[in-house]
N, C-alpha and C. Protein backbone atom coordinates (compact mmCIF):
# COMPACT_ATOMS: atom_id res chain seq x y z
N MET A 1 -8.61 5.02 14.72
CA MET A 1 -7.58 5.60 13.88
C MET A 1 -6.25 5.84 14.67
N ILE A 2 -5.21 5.99 13.91
CA ILE A 2 -3.87 6.09 14.49
C ILE A 2 -3.23 7.43 13.82
N SER A 3 -2.87 8.33 14.71
CA SER A 3 -1.95 9.43 14.22
C SER A 3 -0.52 8.87 14.09
N ALA A 4 -0.10 9.27 12.85
CA ALA A 4 1.20 8.69 12.40
C ALA A 4 2.08 9.59 11.79
N LEU A 5 3.44 9.44 11.79
CA LEU A 5 4.39 10.27 10.94
C LEU A 5 5.03 9.23 10.35
N MET A 6 5.08 8.93 9.02
CA MET A 6 5.90 8.05 8.35
C MET A 6 6.85 8.55 7.32
N VAL A 7 8.03 8.03 7.25
CA VAL A 7 9.17 8.42 6.38
C VAL A 7 9.56 7.35 5.48
N GLY A 8 9.68 7.70 4.22
CA GLY A 8 9.82 6.83 3.15
C GLY A 8 10.09 7.41 1.74
N GLU A 9 9.77 6.72 0.77
CA GLU A 9 9.86 7.34 -0.58
C GLU A 9 8.56 6.98 -1.47
N LEU A 10 8.49 7.80 -2.35
CA LEU A 10 7.29 7.70 -3.21
C LEU A 10 7.55 6.36 -4.19
N ALA A 11 6.43 5.45 -4.07
CA ALA A 11 6.52 4.33 -4.92
C ALA A 11 5.79 4.39 -6.24
N THR A 12 5.09 5.59 -6.33
CA THR A 12 4.32 5.99 -7.62
C THR A 12 4.35 7.47 -7.71
N GLU A 13 3.98 7.82 -9.02
CA GLU A 13 3.92 9.30 -9.25
C GLU A 13 2.64 9.81 -8.53
N PRO A 14 2.48 11.07 -7.88
CA PRO A 14 1.38 11.63 -7.32
C PRO A 14 0.47 11.80 -8.51
N THR A 15 -0.92 11.70 -8.07
CA THR A 15 -1.95 11.96 -9.15
C THR A 15 -3.03 12.89 -8.44
N ALA A 16 -3.29 13.98 -9.27
CA ALA A 16 -4.30 14.86 -8.69
C ALA A 16 -5.61 14.32 -9.21
N ARG A 17 -6.69 14.32 -8.18
CA ARG A 17 -8.01 13.88 -8.41
C ARG A 17 -8.99 14.88 -7.83
N THR A 18 -10.34 14.47 -8.14
CA THR A 18 -11.41 15.17 -7.47
C THR A 18 -12.57 14.32 -7.02
N THR A 19 -13.01 14.71 -5.92
CA THR A 19 -14.15 13.92 -5.32
C THR A 19 -15.50 14.05 -6.21
N SER A 20 -16.25 13.31 -5.90
CA SER A 20 -17.56 13.30 -6.56
C SER A 20 -18.41 14.74 -6.33
N LYS A 21 -17.87 15.45 -5.19
CA LYS A 21 -18.48 16.77 -4.92
C LYS A 21 -17.67 17.86 -5.51
N GLY A 22 -16.54 17.45 -6.29
CA GLY A 22 -15.65 18.51 -6.90
C GLY A 22 -14.53 18.90 -6.05
N ALA A 23 -14.21 18.40 -4.93
CA ALA A 23 -13.10 18.84 -3.95
C ALA A 23 -11.70 18.12 -4.53
N PRO A 24 -10.72 18.91 -4.75
CA PRO A 24 -9.40 18.52 -5.26
C PRO A 24 -8.71 17.64 -4.07
N TYR A 25 -7.97 16.53 -4.47
CA TYR A 25 -7.05 15.96 -3.58
C TYR A 25 -5.98 15.13 -4.32
N VAL A 26 -4.89 14.76 -3.64
CA VAL A 26 -3.80 14.04 -4.31
C VAL A 26 -3.53 12.75 -3.87
N THR A 27 -3.20 11.64 -4.48
CA THR A 27 -2.99 10.32 -3.98
C THR A 27 -1.48 9.92 -4.48
N ALA A 28 -1.01 9.04 -3.74
CA ALA A 28 0.20 8.38 -4.22
C ALA A 28 0.45 7.30 -3.26
N ASN A 29 1.45 6.38 -3.71
CA ASN A 29 1.74 5.16 -2.71
C ASN A 29 3.21 5.58 -2.20
N MET A 30 3.35 5.12 -1.06
CA MET A 30 4.64 5.43 -0.44
C MET A 30 5.24 4.08 0.16
N ARG A 31 6.58 3.99 -0.23
CA ARG A 31 7.33 2.77 0.39
C ARG A 31 7.96 3.15 1.73
N VAL A 32 7.64 2.31 2.91
CA VAL A 32 8.10 2.72 4.13
C VAL A 32 9.00 1.58 4.69
N PRO A 33 10.10 1.77 4.85
CA PRO A 33 11.05 0.67 5.35
C PRO A 33 10.61 0.23 6.74
N ALA A 34 10.66 -1.15 6.86
CA ALA A 34 10.17 -1.86 8.11
C ALA A 34 10.99 -3.06 8.38
N GLY A 35 12.22 -2.76 8.75
CA GLY A 35 13.04 -3.88 9.04
C GLY A 35 13.69 -4.28 7.64
N ALA A 36 13.84 -5.56 7.42
CA ALA A 36 14.26 -6.13 6.21
C ALA A 36 13.13 -6.14 5.07
N GLU A 37 11.85 -5.62 5.43
CA GLU A 37 10.85 -5.66 4.57
C GLU A 37 10.37 -4.20 4.42
N ALA A 38 9.27 -4.01 3.70
CA ALA A 38 8.70 -2.61 3.44
C ALA A 38 7.17 -2.68 3.47
N LEU A 39 6.69 -1.58 3.99
CA LEU A 39 5.31 -1.30 3.90
C LEU A 39 4.86 -0.56 2.76
N PHE A 40 3.91 -0.84 2.10
CA PHE A 40 3.46 0.09 1.01
C PHE A 40 2.09 0.76 1.40
N VAL A 41 2.11 2.00 1.60
CA VAL A 41 1.09 2.81 2.18
C VAL A 41 0.40 3.80 1.12
N GLY A 42 -0.86 3.74 1.03
CA GLY A 42 -1.56 4.80 0.12
C GLY A 42 -1.89 5.93 0.88
N VAL A 43 -1.42 7.10 0.09
CA VAL A 43 -1.36 8.41 0.77
C VAL A 43 -2.48 9.21 0.08
N ALA A 44 -3.40 9.82 0.78
CA ALA A 44 -4.45 10.88 0.22
C ALA A 44 -4.21 12.19 0.81
N ALA A 45 -4.12 13.16 0.20
CA ALA A 45 -3.95 14.47 0.78
C ALA A 45 -5.06 15.36 0.28
N PHE A 46 -5.84 15.58 1.24
CA PHE A 46 -7.02 16.44 0.86
C PHE A 46 -6.81 18.05 1.37
N ASP A 47 -5.81 18.31 2.23
CA ASP A 47 -5.40 19.48 2.52
C ASP A 47 -4.65 20.25 1.35
N ARG A 48 -4.98 21.35 1.10
CA ARG A 48 -4.40 21.96 -0.27
C ARG A 48 -2.75 22.18 -0.08
N THR A 49 -2.17 22.64 0.96
CA THR A 49 -0.78 22.70 1.11
C THR A 49 -0.05 21.20 0.95
N ALA A 50 -0.72 20.36 1.66
CA ALA A 50 -0.07 19.05 1.52
C ALA A 50 -0.30 18.51 0.22
N GLY A 51 -1.35 18.65 -0.44
CA GLY A 51 -1.48 18.12 -1.86
C GLY A 51 -0.46 18.80 -2.80
N GLU A 52 -0.33 20.17 -2.74
CA GLU A 52 0.58 20.87 -3.53
C GLU A 52 1.94 20.38 -3.35
N ARG A 53 2.50 20.01 -2.10
CA ARG A 53 3.81 19.59 -1.96
C ARG A 53 3.85 18.18 -2.47
N LEU A 54 3.01 17.44 -2.25
CA LEU A 54 2.95 15.99 -2.80
C LEU A 54 2.97 16.05 -4.35
N LEU A 55 2.36 16.91 -5.07
CA LEU A 55 2.44 16.99 -6.56
C LEU A 55 3.86 17.54 -7.12
N LYS A 56 4.58 18.13 -6.03
CA LYS A 56 5.89 18.61 -6.66
C LYS A 56 6.97 17.46 -6.67
N LEU A 57 6.62 16.26 -6.03
CA LEU A 57 7.42 15.18 -5.94
C LEU A 57 7.40 14.23 -6.91
N ARG A 58 8.33 13.38 -7.26
CA ARG A 58 8.24 12.44 -8.35
C ARG A 58 8.56 10.94 -7.76
N LYS A 59 8.29 9.99 -8.33
CA LYS A 59 8.61 8.58 -7.99
C LYS A 59 9.99 8.58 -7.42
N GLY A 60 10.23 7.92 -6.29
CA GLY A 60 11.48 7.73 -5.76
C GLY A 60 11.95 8.85 -4.81
N ALA A 61 11.25 9.90 -4.65
CA ALA A 61 11.54 11.12 -3.78
C ALA A 61 11.40 10.71 -2.45
N SER A 62 12.23 11.15 -1.50
CA SER A 62 12.05 11.05 -0.13
C SER A 62 11.02 11.92 0.47
N LEU A 63 10.26 11.54 1.43
CA LEU A 63 9.37 12.41 2.16
C LEU A 63 8.96 11.82 3.41
N ALA A 64 8.29 12.76 4.23
CA ALA A 64 7.80 12.24 5.42
C ALA A 64 6.28 12.83 5.31
N ALA A 65 5.31 12.07 5.77
CA ALA A 65 3.91 12.25 5.70
C ALA A 65 3.26 12.12 7.04
N ALA A 66 2.52 13.03 7.59
CA ALA A 66 1.74 12.96 8.95
C ALA A 66 0.40 12.97 8.68
N GLY A 67 -0.32 12.32 9.60
CA GLY A 67 -1.81 12.24 9.34
C GLY A 67 -2.53 11.16 10.11
N THR A 68 -3.56 10.65 9.50
CA THR A 68 -4.37 9.69 10.26
C THR A 68 -4.10 8.18 9.53
N LEU A 69 -3.64 7.21 10.17
CA LEU A 69 -3.33 6.04 9.45
C LEU A 69 -4.45 4.89 9.75
N GLU A 70 -4.92 4.29 8.68
CA GLU A 70 -5.99 3.35 8.93
C GLU A 70 -5.63 1.91 8.18
N ALA A 71 -6.01 0.89 8.64
CA ALA A 71 -5.90 -0.45 8.18
C ALA A 71 -7.07 -0.36 7.16
N THR A 72 -6.70 -1.13 5.95
CA THR A 72 -7.68 -1.21 4.84
C THR A 72 -7.73 -2.64 4.44
N GLU A 73 -8.83 -2.90 3.87
CA GLU A 73 -9.14 -4.33 3.55
C GLU A 73 -9.96 -4.36 2.10
N TRP A 74 -9.62 -5.14 1.10
CA TRP A 74 -10.37 -5.05 -0.05
C TRP A 74 -10.10 -6.52 -0.82
N GLU A 75 -11.02 -6.76 -1.75
CA GLU A 75 -10.98 -8.02 -2.42
C GLU A 75 -10.58 -7.87 -3.97
N LYS A 76 -9.58 -8.60 -4.39
CA LYS A 76 -9.25 -8.81 -5.74
C LYS A 76 -8.94 -10.15 -6.05
N ASP A 77 -9.45 -10.49 -7.24
CA ASP A 77 -9.52 -11.84 -7.82
C ASP A 77 -9.93 -12.88 -6.74
N GLY A 78 -11.03 -12.60 -5.93
CA GLY A 78 -11.55 -13.59 -5.02
C GLY A 78 -10.67 -13.66 -3.70
N GLU A 79 -9.57 -12.90 -3.58
CA GLU A 79 -8.88 -12.94 -2.49
C GLU A 79 -8.80 -11.64 -1.67
N THR A 80 -8.94 -11.79 -0.40
CA THR A 80 -8.90 -10.57 0.52
C THR A 80 -7.48 -10.13 0.68
N ARG A 81 -7.31 -8.84 0.52
CA ARG A 81 -6.04 -8.14 0.70
C ARG A 81 -6.19 -7.21 1.75
N LYS A 82 -4.96 -6.87 2.42
CA LYS A 82 -4.85 -5.90 3.50
C LYS A 82 -3.94 -4.99 3.13
N GLY A 83 -3.99 -3.82 3.78
CA GLY A 83 -3.00 -2.68 3.52
C GLY A 83 -3.23 -1.55 4.50
N TRP A 84 -2.56 -0.47 4.19
CA TRP A 84 -2.58 0.82 4.94
C TRP A 84 -2.87 2.07 4.24
N ARG A 85 -3.79 3.01 4.69
CA ARG A 85 -3.94 4.21 4.09
C ARG A 85 -3.70 5.29 5.08
N LEU A 86 -2.93 6.28 4.62
CA LEU A 86 -2.53 7.53 5.39
C LEU A 86 -3.27 8.69 4.71
N THR A 87 -4.20 9.43 5.60
CA THR A 87 -4.93 10.52 5.06
C THR A 87 -3.97 11.71 5.73
N ALA A 88 -3.04 12.17 4.66
CA ALA A 88 -2.01 13.03 5.20
C ALA A 88 -2.46 14.61 5.41
N THR A 89 -2.35 15.20 6.56
CA THR A 89 -2.53 16.65 6.80
C THR A 89 -1.14 17.42 6.70
N GLU A 90 -0.12 16.70 6.48
CA GLU A 90 1.32 17.44 6.22
C GLU A 90 2.30 16.51 5.47
N ILE A 91 2.74 17.08 4.52
CA ILE A 91 3.78 16.42 3.73
C ILE A 91 5.08 17.02 3.97
N LEU A 92 6.14 16.62 4.34
CA LEU A 92 7.42 17.40 4.60
C LEU A 92 8.52 16.71 3.63
N THR A 93 9.19 17.59 3.04
CA THR A 93 10.11 17.26 1.87
C THR A 93 11.34 18.09 1.99
N VAL A 94 12.35 17.63 1.49
CA VAL A 94 13.66 18.41 1.52
C VAL A 94 13.54 19.62 0.82
N TYR A 95 12.69 19.76 -0.24
CA TYR A 95 12.42 21.03 -1.00
C TYR A 95 11.63 22.04 -0.02
N ALA A 96 10.62 21.48 0.67
CA ALA A 96 10.00 22.53 1.62
C ALA A 96 10.76 22.87 2.73
N ALA A 97 11.78 21.98 3.27
CA ALA A 97 12.64 22.46 4.34
C ALA A 97 13.74 23.55 3.69
N ARG A 98 14.20 23.32 2.52
CA ARG A 98 15.26 24.34 2.06
C ARG A 98 14.41 25.70 1.84
N LYS A 99 13.23 25.65 1.28
CA LYS A 99 12.41 26.88 1.15
C LYS A 99 12.26 27.57 2.35
N ARG A 100 11.82 26.93 3.40
CA ARG A 100 11.65 27.43 4.64
C ARG A 100 12.93 28.16 5.29
N ARG A 101 14.15 27.71 5.04
CA ARG A 101 15.37 28.20 5.47
C ARG A 101 15.84 29.28 4.66
N GLU A 102 15.56 29.39 3.50
CA GLU A 102 16.05 30.43 2.46
C GLU A 102 15.23 31.84 2.98
N PRO A 103 16.15 32.90 3.13
CA PRO A 103 15.39 34.10 3.44
C PRO A 103 14.55 34.71 2.29
N GLU A 104 13.46 35.19 2.51
CA GLU A 104 12.82 35.93 1.48
C GLU A 104 13.54 37.18 0.95
N ALA A 105 13.28 37.58 -0.23
CA ALA A 105 13.98 38.79 -0.75
C ALA A 105 13.63 39.93 0.19
N GLY A 106 14.53 40.64 0.53
CA GLY A 106 14.38 41.76 1.25
C GLY A 106 14.52 41.67 2.70
N GLU A 107 14.76 40.34 3.11
CA GLU A 107 15.04 40.24 4.69
C GLU A 107 16.44 40.20 5.08
């Protein structure tokens, strides 16, 4: 596994899901610029805070996601396809950065 920090934009709307054991998580796909091309990375956030931040975003929003990156492989229509999945432990957004910089009431 690879520790990674990826910067890009959401290619899909985030979706709240639940594991078979009832644990909540959030998924989305992210477009990451790679020279003249782009990588599409599936993102899964099992961390509560990371999931909440991801759900506040919409398709096209800029973000950075940090976590564990894994190569994936699956079969579709008899053809083997390859891709990437990031299990995010942190989602960084402009919204979160602004919120951190704004003083709380009474400070």
